[in-house]
């Protein structure tokens, strides 16, 4: 296993594809934004929100709506030597 800490910026209008990880991912929102879901519904992802994405469970698949960049601190505890993420099947 290895631990990878990063800051991810998703600009307005950009997508975060639906994907999985070979391990766990903890997310803390540094700067919130509005997310447009595949069904067209828009939901807030506010500053200070936190979530955990578990191994091999698809997540993401949204677009950043509005004019604010989504900025997240992510901590991945994943299998060493495997890709950080895989597109969801």
N, C-alpha and C. Protein backbone atom coordinates (compact mmCIF):
# COMPACT_ATOMS: atom_id res chain seq x y z
N UNK A 1 0.85 -1.18 0.00
CA UNK A 1 0.00 0.00 0.00
C UNK A 1 0.90 1.24 0.00
N UNK A 2 0.33 2.32 -0.53
CA UNK A 2 1.01 3.60 -0.47
C UNK A 2 -0.02 4.69 -0.20
N UNK A 3 0.44 5.80 0.35
CA UNK A 3 -0.42 6.95 0.65
C UNK A 3 -0.04 8.07 -0.31
N UNK A 4 -1.05 8.62 -0.99
CA UNK A 4 -0.84 9.72 -1.93
C UNK A 4 -1.77 10.86 -1.52
N UNK A 5 -1.18 12.01 -1.22
CA UNK A 5 -1.94 13.20 -0.83
C UNK A 5 -1.84 14.20 -1.97
N UNK A 6 -2.98 14.78 -2.37
CA UNK A 6 -2.96 15.74 -3.46
C UNK A 6 -4.08 16.76 -3.32
N UNK A 7 -3.93 17.84 -4.04
CA UNK A 7 -4.98 18.84 -4.16
C UNK A 7 -5.47 18.77 -5.60
N UNK A 8 -6.79 18.61 -5.76
CA UNK A 8 -7.40 18.47 -7.08
C UNK A 8 -8.27 19.69 -7.35
N UNK A 9 -8.03 20.35 -8.47
CA UNK A 9 -8.87 21.46 -8.92
C UNK A 9 -9.66 21.00 -10.13
N UNK A 10 -10.98 21.20 -10.09
CA UNK A 10 -11.83 20.90 -11.24
C UNK A 10 -12.49 22.22 -11.64
N UNK A 11 -12.10 22.73 -12.79
CA UNK A 11 -12.56 24.03 -13.27
C UNK A 11 -14.04 23.98 -13.67
N UNK A 12 -14.73 25.12 -13.61
CA UNK A 12 -16.13 25.17 -14.06
C UNK A 12 -16.27 24.65 -15.49
N UNK A 13 -17.29 23.83 -15.70
CA UNK A 13 -17.53 23.24 -17.02
C UNK A 13 -16.80 21.94 -17.27
N UNK A 14 -15.82 21.61 -16.41
CA UNK A 14 -15.08 20.36 -16.59
C UNK A 14 -15.75 19.21 -15.86
N UNK A 15 -15.50 18.01 -16.36
CA UNK A 15 -16.07 16.79 -15.79
C UNK A 15 -15.04 16.06 -14.95
N UNK A 16 -15.52 15.35 -13.95
CA UNK A 16 -14.73 14.36 -13.24
C UNK A 16 -15.38 13.02 -13.59
N UNK A 17 -14.69 12.21 -14.39
CA UNK A 17 -15.30 10.98 -14.89
C UNK A 17 -15.66 10.03 -13.75
N UNK A 18 -16.62 9.17 -14.00
CA UNK A 18 -16.98 8.13 -13.04
C UNK A 18 -15.82 7.13 -13.02
N UNK A 19 -15.31 6.83 -11.82
CA UNK A 19 -14.10 6.02 -11.70
C UNK A 19 -14.07 5.27 -10.37
N UNK A 20 -13.05 4.41 -10.24
CA UNK A 20 -12.82 3.67 -9.00
C UNK A 20 -11.34 3.80 -8.63
N UNK A 21 -11.02 3.37 -7.40
CA UNK A 21 -9.63 3.34 -6.92
C UNK A 21 -9.31 1.95 -6.38
N UNK A 22 -8.03 1.61 -6.39
CA UNK A 22 -7.55 0.34 -5.83
C UNK A 22 -7.21 0.56 -4.36
N UNK A 23 -8.17 1.06 -3.62
CA UNK A 23 -7.98 1.36 -2.21
C UNK A 23 -9.02 2.38 -1.77
N UNK A 24 -8.70 3.10 -0.72
CA UNK A 24 -9.63 4.07 -0.14
C UNK A 24 -9.21 5.49 -0.52
N UNK A 25 -10.19 6.38 -0.59
CA UNK A 25 -9.93 7.80 -0.87
C UNK A 25 -10.74 8.63 0.12
N UNK A 26 -10.05 9.51 0.84
CA UNK A 26 -10.72 10.48 1.70
C UNK A 26 -10.64 11.84 0.99
N UNK A 27 -11.76 12.56 1.00
CA UNK A 27 -11.85 13.86 0.31
C UNK A 27 -12.31 14.92 1.30
N UNK A 28 -11.63 16.07 1.28
CA UNK A 28 -12.05 17.24 2.06
C UNK A 28 -12.14 18.40 1.08
N UNK A 29 -13.28 19.09 1.04
CA UNK A 29 -13.49 20.18 0.09
C UNK A 29 -12.89 21.47 0.65
N UNK A 30 -11.86 21.96 -0.05
CA UNK A 30 -11.20 23.21 0.34
C UNK A 30 -11.96 24.43 -0.16
N UNK A 31 -12.49 24.33 -1.38
CA UNK A 31 -13.32 25.39 -1.98
C UNK A 31 -14.47 24.72 -2.70
N UNK A 32 -15.67 24.96 -2.20
CA UNK A 32 -16.85 24.29 -2.73
C UNK A 32 -17.33 24.83 -4.06
N UNK A 33 -18.21 24.06 -4.67
CA UNK A 33 -18.80 24.41 -5.96
C UNK A 33 -20.13 23.68 -6.10
N UNK A 34 -20.82 23.96 -7.18
CA UNK A 34 -22.06 23.26 -7.51
C UNK A 34 -21.74 22.17 -8.52
N UNK A 35 -22.28 20.97 -8.27
CA UNK A 35 -22.05 19.84 -9.16
C UNK A 35 -23.30 19.57 -9.98
N UNK A 36 -23.11 19.33 -11.27
CA UNK A 36 -24.20 18.91 -12.16
C UNK A 36 -24.07 17.40 -12.33
N UNK A 37 -25.08 16.67 -11.88
CA UNK A 37 -25.08 15.22 -11.96
C UNK A 37 -25.53 14.75 -13.34
N UNK A 38 -25.26 13.48 -13.69
CA UNK A 38 -25.64 12.99 -15.02
C UNK A 38 -27.12 13.16 -15.35
N UNK A 39 -28.00 13.14 -14.33
CA UNK A 39 -29.43 13.30 -14.58
C UNK A 39 -29.86 14.76 -14.72
N UNK A 40 -28.87 15.69 -14.67
CA UNK A 40 -29.15 17.11 -14.83
C UNK A 40 -29.39 17.85 -13.52
N UNK A 41 -29.56 17.12 -12.43
CA UNK A 41 -29.78 17.75 -11.14
C UNK A 41 -28.49 18.43 -10.67
N UNK A 42 -28.61 19.62 -10.09
CA UNK A 42 -27.47 20.33 -9.55
C UNK A 42 -27.51 20.29 -8.03
N UNK A 43 -26.36 19.96 -7.42
CA UNK A 43 -26.27 19.85 -5.97
C UNK A 43 -25.03 20.59 -5.48
N UNK A 44 -25.12 21.20 -4.30
CA UNK A 44 -23.94 21.86 -3.75
C UNK A 44 -22.95 20.84 -3.18
N UNK A 45 -21.68 21.12 -3.32
CA UNK A 45 -20.60 20.36 -2.66
C UNK A 45 -19.80 21.43 -1.93
N UNK A 46 -20.23 21.78 -0.69
CA UNK A 46 -19.74 22.99 -0.03
C UNK A 46 -18.35 22.86 0.59
N UNK A 47 -17.72 24.00 0.78
CA UNK A 47 -16.46 24.07 1.50
C UNK A 47 -16.64 23.39 2.86
N UNK A 48 -15.69 22.56 3.25
CA UNK A 48 -15.74 21.87 4.53
C UNK A 48 -16.39 20.50 4.47
N UNK A 49 -17.03 20.17 3.35
CA UNK A 49 -17.63 18.83 3.22
C UNK A 49 -16.51 17.79 3.16
N UNK A 50 -16.82 16.60 3.63
CA UNK A 50 -15.85 15.50 3.58
C UNK A 50 -16.58 14.22 3.21
N UNK A 51 -15.86 13.33 2.54
CA UNK A 51 -16.44 12.05 2.16
C UNK A 51 -15.33 11.01 2.04
N UNK A 52 -15.71 9.76 2.10
CA UNK A 52 -14.77 8.66 1.88
C UNK A 52 -15.32 7.79 0.76
N UNK A 53 -14.47 7.51 -0.22
CA UNK A 53 -14.83 6.62 -1.32
C UNK A 53 -14.10 5.31 -1.09
N UNK A 54 -14.86 4.21 -1.05
CA UNK A 54 -14.26 2.93 -0.71
C UNK A 54 -13.79 2.17 -1.95
N UNK A 55 -12.93 1.24 -1.71
CA UNK A 55 -12.28 0.45 -2.76
C UNK A 55 -13.30 -0.09 -3.77
N UNK A 56 -12.98 0.12 -5.06
CA UNK A 56 -13.71 -0.47 -6.19
C UNK A 56 -15.18 -0.06 -6.31
N UNK A 57 -15.62 0.98 -5.60
CA UNK A 57 -16.99 1.47 -5.73
C UNK A 57 -16.96 2.72 -6.62
N UNK A 58 -17.66 2.70 -7.76
CA UNK A 58 -17.64 3.86 -8.68
C UNK A 58 -18.16 5.13 -8.01
N UNK A 59 -17.51 6.23 -8.32
CA UNK A 59 -17.92 7.56 -7.85
C UNK A 59 -17.45 8.59 -8.86
N UNK A 60 -17.80 9.85 -8.63
CA UNK A 60 -17.51 10.89 -9.61
C UNK A 60 -18.64 10.92 -10.63
N UNK A 61 -18.30 11.23 -11.86
CA UNK A 61 -19.31 11.28 -12.90
C UNK A 61 -20.14 12.55 -12.86
N UNK A 62 -19.53 13.64 -12.48
CA UNK A 62 -20.24 14.91 -12.42
C UNK A 62 -19.47 15.98 -13.18
N UNK A 63 -20.14 17.09 -13.42
CA UNK A 63 -19.55 18.27 -14.06
C UNK A 63 -19.65 19.41 -13.06
N UNK A 64 -18.65 20.29 -13.02
CA UNK A 64 -18.72 21.45 -12.16
C UNK A 64 -19.54 22.52 -12.86
N UNK A 65 -20.66 22.90 -12.24
CA UNK A 65 -21.57 23.91 -12.79
C UNK A 65 -21.21 25.28 -12.21
N UNK A 66 -21.73 26.31 -12.81
CA UNK A 66 -21.51 27.66 -12.30
C UNK A 66 -20.13 28.19 -12.65
N UNK A 67 -19.66 29.12 -11.83
CA UNK A 67 -18.39 29.78 -12.15
C UNK A 67 -17.31 29.58 -11.09
N UNK A 68 -17.51 28.65 -10.16
CA UNK A 68 -16.53 28.40 -9.10
C UNK A 68 -15.78 27.10 -9.36
N UNK A 69 -14.46 27.14 -9.16
CA UNK A 69 -13.63 25.96 -9.26
C UNK A 69 -13.80 25.12 -8.01
N UNK A 70 -13.94 23.81 -8.17
CA UNK A 70 -13.99 22.88 -7.04
C UNK A 70 -12.55 22.53 -6.68
N UNK A 71 -12.19 22.74 -5.42
CA UNK A 71 -10.83 22.43 -4.96
C UNK A 71 -10.94 21.45 -3.79
N UNK A 72 -10.31 20.27 -3.95
CA UNK A 72 -10.41 19.21 -2.96
C UNK A 72 -9.03 18.72 -2.52
N UNK A 73 -8.88 18.45 -1.25
CA UNK A 73 -7.72 17.75 -0.72
C UNK A 73 -8.08 16.27 -0.71
N UNK A 74 -7.27 15.44 -1.36
CA UNK A 74 -7.56 14.01 -1.39
C UNK A 74 -6.42 13.24 -0.76
N UNK A 75 -6.77 12.19 -0.02
CA UNK A 75 -5.79 11.27 0.55
C UNK A 75 -6.19 9.87 0.09
N UNK A 76 -5.31 9.27 -0.69
CA UNK A 76 -5.55 7.91 -1.21
C UNK A 76 -4.64 6.94 -0.46
N UNK A 77 -5.21 5.84 0.00
CA UNK A 77 -4.44 4.73 0.54
C UNK A 77 -4.74 3.57 -0.40
N UNK A 78 -3.80 3.33 -1.30
CA UNK A 78 -4.07 2.45 -2.45
C UNK A 78 -2.98 1.40 -2.62
N UNK A 79 -3.29 0.39 -3.41
CA UNK A 79 -2.33 -0.67 -3.71
C UNK A 79 -1.15 -0.09 -4.47
N UNK A 80 0.04 -0.32 -3.95
CA UNK A 80 1.27 0.18 -4.57
C UNK A 80 1.46 -0.48 -5.94
N UNK A 81 1.81 0.34 -6.93
CA UNK A 81 2.09 -0.18 -8.27
C UNK A 81 0.89 -0.28 -9.19
N UNK A 82 -0.31 -0.03 -8.66
CA UNK A 82 -1.50 -0.05 -9.51
C UNK A 82 -1.85 1.38 -9.91
N UNK A 83 -2.63 1.56 -10.98
CA UNK A 83 -3.04 2.92 -11.38
C UNK A 83 -3.80 3.62 -10.25
N UNK A 84 -3.63 4.94 -10.16
CA UNK A 84 -4.34 5.70 -9.12
C UNK A 84 -5.85 5.59 -9.27
N UNK A 85 -6.33 5.60 -10.52
CA UNK A 85 -7.74 5.46 -10.75
C UNK A 85 -8.01 4.71 -12.05
N UNK A 86 -9.17 4.09 -12.11
CA UNK A 86 -9.60 3.37 -13.31
C UNK A 86 -10.98 3.89 -13.69
N UNK A 87 -11.23 4.12 -14.98
CA UNK A 87 -12.60 4.48 -15.39
C UNK A 87 -13.57 3.39 -14.93
N UNK A 88 -14.74 3.80 -14.47
CA UNK A 88 -15.76 2.83 -14.02
C UNK A 88 -16.27 2.04 -15.20
N UNK A 89 -16.58 0.80 -14.95
CA UNK A 89 -17.12 -0.08 -16.01
C UNK A 89 -18.61 -0.09 -16.00
